[in-house]
Amino acid sequence: MLKEKLQKDLNESLKSGDQVKRLVLGMVMTAVKNRELVKRQQLSKTISDAGELEKQSQLMDEEVTEAIAGEVKKRREAIEQFKTGGRDELAQKEKSEMDILLTYLPEQMPEEEIRAEVQKTIAEVGAAGIKDMGKVIGAVMAKLKGRVEGGIVSKIAKELLGSG
């Protein structure tokens, strides 16, 4: 499981003294644990057996991937802000952290493939204009979960629906 790989790599980075990787993986593990706590809290309303609750509140690989993707998104936003503010050294630090995180995500799809998928989805859901953008983005994100970034899908959908 992805969570176990993250924990193993975190332990290795502690032993090797790789401070950046240790910091990044520590943050990801915290995000994962926070998501598990939220899940446990929701499940505790319907499950009373402690063992079953523990088992069911563990995150699946897809949910761990979402947590990692969230951390990547934070880094991307920070990079943009630091570049805008002329803080290139901080932007570079965020980029190196993001590069570590990206190794744990599925390979991202090229933009041409995303564009083709968005066009196909527009036809499938019968989207007629910009008002249907939410439907299109939701359907594309569900199909390509973890392999695309929402911002790119949004940009392409807006472009295609705006001109359609």
C-alpha atoms as a PDB file:
ATOM      1  CA  MET A   1       0.000   0.000   0.000  1.00  0.00           C
ATOM      2  CA  LEU A   2       1.065   3.568  -0.684  1.00  0.00           C
ATOM      3  CA  LYS A   3       0.783   4.596   2.970  1.00  0.00           C
ATOM      4  CA  GLU A   4       3.265   1.886   3.987  1.00  0.00           C
ATOM      5  CA  LYS A   5       5.678   2.977   1.241  1.00  0.00           C
ATOM      6  CA  LEU A   6       5.499   6.567   2.491  1.00  0.00           C
ATOM      7  CA  GLN A   7       6.195   5.419   6.077  1.00  0.00           C
ATOM      8  CA  LYS A   8       9.104   3.216   4.942  1.00  0.00           C
ATOM      9  CA  ASP A   9      10.609   6.070   2.917  1.00  0.00           C
ATOM     10  CA  LEU A  10      10.125   8.438   5.853  1.00  0.00           C
ATOM     11  CA  ASN A  11      12.031   6.048   8.119  1.00  0.00           C
ATOM     12  CA  GLU A  12      14.815   5.728   5.531  1.00  0.00           C
ATOM     13  CA  SER A  13      15.088   9.512   5.215  1.00  0.00           C
ATOM     14  CA  LEU A  14      15.403   9.752   9.009  1.00  0.00           C
ATOM     15  CA  LYS A  15      18.270   7.237   8.963  1.00  0.00           C
ATOM     16  CA  SER A  16      20.022   8.800   5.978  1.00  0.00           C
ATOM     17  CA  GLY A  17      19.688  12.367   7.281  1.00  0.00           C
ATOM     18  CA  ASP A  18      17.802  13.625   4.199  1.00  0.00           C
ATOM     19  CA  GLN A  19      16.150  16.591   5.924  1.00  0.00           C
ATOM     20  CA  VAL A  20      14.053  17.817   2.974  1.00  0.00           C
ATOM     21  CA  LYS A  21      12.581  14.393   2.220  1.00  0.00           C
ATOM     22  CA  ARG A  22      11.966  13.765   5.944  1.00  0.00           C
ATOM     23  CA  LEU A  23      10.124  17.076   6.256  1.00  0.00           C
ATOM     24  CA  VAL A  24       8.007  16.535   3.134  1.00  0.00           C
ATOM     25  CA  LEU A  25       7.087  12.935   3.956  1.00  0.00           C
ATOM     26  CA  GLY A  26       6.352  13.907   7.551  1.00  0.00           C
ATOM     27  CA  MET A  27       3.883  16.523   6.307  1.00  0.00           C
ATOM     28  CA  VAL A  28       2.249  13.998   3.974  1.00  0.00           C
ATOM     29  CA  MET A  29       1.924  11.422   6.750  1.00  0.00           C
ATOM     30  CA  THR A  30       0.329  14.087   8.959  1.00  0.00           C
ATOM     31  CA  ALA A  31      -2.153  14.900   6.178  1.00  0.00           C
ATOM     32  CA  VAL A  32      -2.924  11.172   5.816  1.00  0.00           C
ATOM     33  CA  LYS A  33      -3.428  10.732   9.563  1.00  0.00           C
ATOM     34  CA  ASN A  34      -5.706  13.792   9.673  1.00  0.00           C
ATOM     35  CA  ARG A  35      -7.831  12.328   6.881  1.00  0.00           C
ATOM     36  CA  GLU A  36      -7.997   9.021   8.762  1.00  0.00           C
ATOM     37  CA  LEU A  37      -9.189  10.818  11.890  1.00  0.00           C
ATOM     38  CA  VAL A  38     -11.950  12.559   9.934  1.00  0.00           C
ATOM     39  CA  LYS A  39     -12.946   9.241   8.351  1.00  0.00           C
ATOM     40  CA  ARG A  40     -12.895   7.504  11.756  1.00  0.00           C
ATOM     41  CA  GLN A  41     -15.087  10.242  13.244  1.00  0.00           C
ATOM     42  CA  GLN A  42     -17.644   9.814  10.464  1.00  0.00           C
ATOM     43  CA  LEU A  43     -17.591   6.010  10.701  1.00  0.00           C
ATOM     44  CA  SER A  44     -17.857   6.015  14.504  1.00  0.00           C
ATOM     45  CA  LYS A  45     -21.487   7.070  14.120  1.00  0.00           C
ATOM     46  CA  THR A  46     -22.324   3.754  12.438  1.00  0.00           C
ATOM     47  CA  ILE A  47     -19.629   1.291  13.641  1.00  0.00           C
ATOM     48  CA  SER A  48     -19.315   0.439  17.327  1.00  0.00           C
ATOM     49  CA  ASP A  49     -16.687  -2.359  17.171  1.00  0.00           C
ATOM     50  CA  ALA A  50     -13.262  -0.749  17.806  1.00  0.00           C
ATOM     51  CA  GLY A  51     -11.346  -3.245  15.654  1.00  0.00           C
ATOM     52  CA  GLU A  52     -13.697  -2.825  12.730  1.00  0.00           C
ATOM     53  CA  LEU A  53     -13.625   0.965  13.134  1.00  0.00           C
ATOM     54  CA  GLU A  54      -9.807   0.944  13.059  1.00  0.00           C
ATOM     55  CA  LYS A  55      -9.770  -1.261   9.949  1.00  0.00           C
ATOM     56  CA  GLN A  56     -12.367   0.755   8.058  1.00  0.00           C
ATOM     57  CA  SER A  57     -10.840   4.131   8.913  1.00  0.00           C
ATOM     58  CA  GLN A  58      -7.558   3.269   7.178  1.00  0.00           C
ATOM     59  CA  LEU A  59      -7.180   5.195   3.932  1.00  0.00           C
ATOM     60  CA  MET A  60      -7.166   3.370   0.620  1.00  0.00           C
ATOM     61  CA  ASP A  61      -4.388   4.126  -1.872  1.00  0.00           C
ATOM     62  CA  GLU A  62      -6.725   6.416  -3.822  1.00  0.00           C
ATOM     63  CA  GLU A  63      -7.373   8.513  -0.712  1.00  0.00           C
ATOM     64  CA  VAL A  64      -3.638   8.671   0.097  1.00  0.00           C
ATOM     65  CA  THR A  65      -3.038   9.793  -3.485  1.00  0.00           C
ATOM     66  CA  GLU A  66      -5.601  12.584  -2.950  1.00  0.00           C
ATOM     67  CA  ALA A  67      -3.719  13.708   0.161  1.00  0.00           C
ATOM     68  CA  ILE A  68      -0.436  13.783  -1.774  1.00  0.00           C
ATOM     69  CA  ALA A  69      -2.080  15.648  -4.659  1.00  0.00           C
ATOM     70  CA  GLY A  70      -3.344  18.214  -2.155  1.00  0.00           C
ATOM     71  CA  GLU A  71       0.199  18.752  -0.888  1.00  0.00           C
ATOM     72  CA  VAL A  72       1.448  19.121  -4.484  1.00  0.00           C
ATOM     73  CA  LYS A  73      -1.248  21.724  -5.147  1.00  0.00           C
ATOM     74  CA  LYS A  74      -0.151  23.706  -2.074  1.00  0.00           C
ATOM     75  CA  ARG A  75       3.448  23.674  -3.350  1.00  0.00           C
ATOM     76  CA  ARG A  76       2.404  24.814  -6.844  1.00  0.00           C
ATOM     77  CA  GLU A  77       0.460  27.725  -5.400  1.00  0.00           C
ATOM     78  CA  ALA A  78       3.347  28.669  -3.110  1.00  0.00           C
ATOM     79  CA  ILE A  79       5.805  28.562  -6.040  1.00  0.00           C
ATOM     80  CA  GLU A  80       3.618  30.997  -7.993  1.00  0.00           C
ATOM     81  CA  GLN A  81       3.336  33.349  -5.034  1.00  0.00           C
ATOM     82  CA  PHE A  82       7.069  33.260  -4.293  1.00  0.00           C
ATOM     83  CA  LYS A  83       7.946  33.896  -7.960  1.00  0.00           C
ATOM     84  CA  THR A  84       5.503  36.804  -8.047  1.00  0.00           C
ATOM     85  CA  GLY A  85       7.107  38.175  -4.904  1.00  0.00           C
ATOM     86  CA  GLY A  86      10.625  37.783  -6.310  1.00  0.00           C
ATOM     87  CA  ARG A  87      11.566  35.111  -3.755  1.00  0.00           C
ATOM     88  CA  ASP A  88      13.241  32.643  -6.114  1.00  0.00           C
ATOM     89  CA  GLU A  89      15.130  30.800  -3.336  1.00  0.00           C
ATOM     90  CA  LEU A  90      11.838  29.980  -1.580  1.00  0.00           C
ATOM     91  CA  ALA A  91      10.208  29.030  -4.888  1.00  0.00           C
ATOM     92  CA  GLN A  92      13.109  26.636  -5.525  1.00  0.00           C
ATOM     93  CA  LYS A  93      12.681  25.095  -2.045  1.00  0.00           C
ATOM     94  CA  GLU A  94       8.972  24.509  -2.731  1.00  0.00           C
ATOM     95  CA  LYS A  95       9.812  23.029  -6.133  1.00  0.00           C
ATOM     96  CA  SER A  96      12.259  20.529  -4.627  1.00  0.00           C
ATOM     97  CA  GLU A  97       9.572  19.507  -2.116  1.00  0.00           C
ATOM     98  CA  MET A  98       7.023  19.174  -4.925  1.00  0.00           C
ATOM     99  CA  ASP A  99       9.426  17.014  -6.949  1.00  0.00           C
ATOM    100  CA  ILE A 100       9.646  14.568  -4.028  1.00  0.00           C
ATOM    101  CA  LEU A 101       5.854  14.416  -3.768  1.00  0.00           C
ATOM    102  CA  LEU A 102       5.390  13.858  -7.498  1.00  0.00           C
ATOM    103  CA  THR A 103       7.336  10.590  -7.291  1.00  0.00           C
ATOM    104  CA  TYR A 104       4.442   9.143  -5.243  1.00  0.00           C
ATOM    105  CA  LEU A 105       1.711  10.134  -7.691  1.00  0.00           C
ATOM    106  CA  PRO A 106       0.705   8.276 -10.852  1.00  0.00           C
ATOM    107  CA  GLU A 107       2.308   9.718 -13.970  1.00  0.00           C
ATOM    108  CA  GLN A 108       0.402  12.797 -15.093  1.00  0.00           C
ATOM    109  CA  MET A 109      -1.304  12.686 -18.484  1.00  0.00           C
ATOM    110  CA  PRO A 110      -0.018  14.889 -21.295  1.00  0.00           C
ATOM    111  CA  GLU A 111      -2.187  17.913 -22.096  1.00  0.00           C
ATOM    112  CA  GLU A 112      -3.168  16.590 -25.555  1.00  0.00           C
ATOM    113  CA  GLU A 113      -4.661  13.441 -23.974  1.00  0.00           C
ATOM    114  CA  ILE A 114      -6.485  15.506 -21.362  1.00  0.00           C
ATOM    115  CA  ARG A 115      -7.879  17.750 -24.113  1.00  0.00           C
ATOM    116  CA  ALA A 116      -9.140  14.678 -26.032  1.00  0.00           C
ATOM    117  CA  GLU A 117     -10.769  13.297 -22.870  1.00  0.00           C
ATOM    118  CA  VAL A 118     -12.452  16.642 -22.128  1.00  0.00           C
ATOM    119  CA  GLN A 119     -13.794  16.826 -25.705  1.00  0.00           C
ATOM    120  CA  LYS A 120     -15.109  13.259 -25.431  1.00  0.00           C
ATOM    121  CA  THR A 121     -16.753  14.027 -22.072  1.00  0.00           C
ATOM    122  CA  ILE A 122     -18.376  17.218 -23.426  1.00  0.00           C
ATOM    123  CA  ALA A 123     -20.069  15.053 -26.083  1.00  0.00           C
ATOM    124  CA  GLU A 124     -20.998  12.329 -23.545  1.00  0.00           C
ATOM    125  CA  VAL A 125     -22.689  14.676 -21.064  1.00  0.00           C
ATOM    126  CA  GLY A 126     -24.194  16.847 -23.804  1.00  0.00           C
ATOM    127  CA  ALA A 127     -22.586  20.032 -22.529  1.00  0.00           C
ATOM    128  CA  ALA A 128     -23.795  23.027 -24.480  1.00  0.00           C
ATOM    129  CA  GLY A 129     -21.851  25.882 -22.966  1.00  0.00           C
ATOM    130  CA  ILE A 130     -19.934  27.342 -20.072  1.00  0.00           C
ATOM    131  CA  LYS A 131     -22.890  26.679 -17.720  1.00  0.00           C
ATOM    132  CA  ASP A 132     -22.195  22.928 -18.066  1.00  0.00           C
ATOM    133  CA  MET A 133     -18.537  23.308 -17.069  1.00  0.00           C
ATOM    134  CA  GLY A 134     -19.065  21.789 -13.600  1.00  0.00           C
ATOM    135  CA  LYS A 135     -20.638  18.657 -15.098  1.00  0.00           C
ATOM    136  CA  VAL A 136     -17.763  18.229 -17.536  1.00  0.00           C
ATOM    137  CA  ILE A 137     -14.998  18.809 -14.975  1.00  0.00           C
ATOM    138  CA  GLY A 138     -16.654  16.453 -12.480  1.00  0.00           C
ATOM    139  CA  ALA A 139     -16.940  13.670 -15.053  1.00  0.00           C
ATOM    140  CA  VAL A 140     -13.364  14.094 -16.335  1.00  0.00           C
ATOM    141  CA  MET A 141     -11.886  14.225 -12.824  1.00  0.00           C
ATOM    142  CA  ALA A 142     -13.780  11.051 -11.854  1.00  0.00           C
ATOM    143  CA  LYS A 143     -12.414   9.200 -14.909  1.00  0.00           C
ATOM    144  CA  LEU A 144      -8.825  10.436 -14.642  1.00  0.00           C
ATOM    145  CA  LYS A 145      -8.515  10.685 -10.849  1.00  0.00           C
ATOM    146  CA  GLY A 146      -4.930  11.197  -9.722  1.00  0.00           C
ATOM    147  CA  ARG A 147      -3.561  11.441 -13.258  1.00  0.00           C
ATOM    148  CA  VAL A 148      -4.610  15.019 -13.975  1.00  0.00           C
ATOM    149  CA  GLU A 149      -4.652  18.283 -12.115  1.00  0.00           C
ATOM    150  CA  GLY A 150      -8.015  19.999 -11.712  1.00  0.00           C
ATOM    151  CA  GLY A 151      -6.657  23.361 -12.827  1.00  0.00           C
ATOM    152  CA  ILE A 152      -5.601  21.993 -16.215  1.00  0.00           C
ATOM    153  CA  VAL A 153      -8.948  20.239 -16.732  1.00  0.00           C
ATOM    154  CA  SER A 154     -10.750  23.445 -15.780  1.00  0.00           C
ATOM    155  CA  LYS A 155      -8.680  25.554 -18.182  1.00  0.00           C
ATOM    156  CA  ILE A 156      -9.261  23.164 -21.100  1.00  0.00           C
ATOM    157  CA  ALA A 157     -12.986  22.796 -20.360  1.00  0.00           C
ATOM    158  CA  LYS A 158     -13.421  26.565 -20.183  1.00  0.00           C
ATOM    159  CA  GLU A 159     -11.548  26.971 -23.460  1.00  0.00           C
ATOM    160  CA  LEU A 160     -13.602  24.299 -25.251  1.00  0.00           C
ATOM    161  CA  LEU A 161     -16.982  25.237 -23.793  1.00  0.00           C
ATOM    162  CA  GLY A 162     -16.399  28.943 -24.280  1.00  0.00           C
ATOM    163  CA  SER A 163     -15.775  28.486 -27.965  1.00  0.00           C
ATOM    164  CA  GLY A 164     -18.498  25.852 -28.344  1.00  0.00           C
END
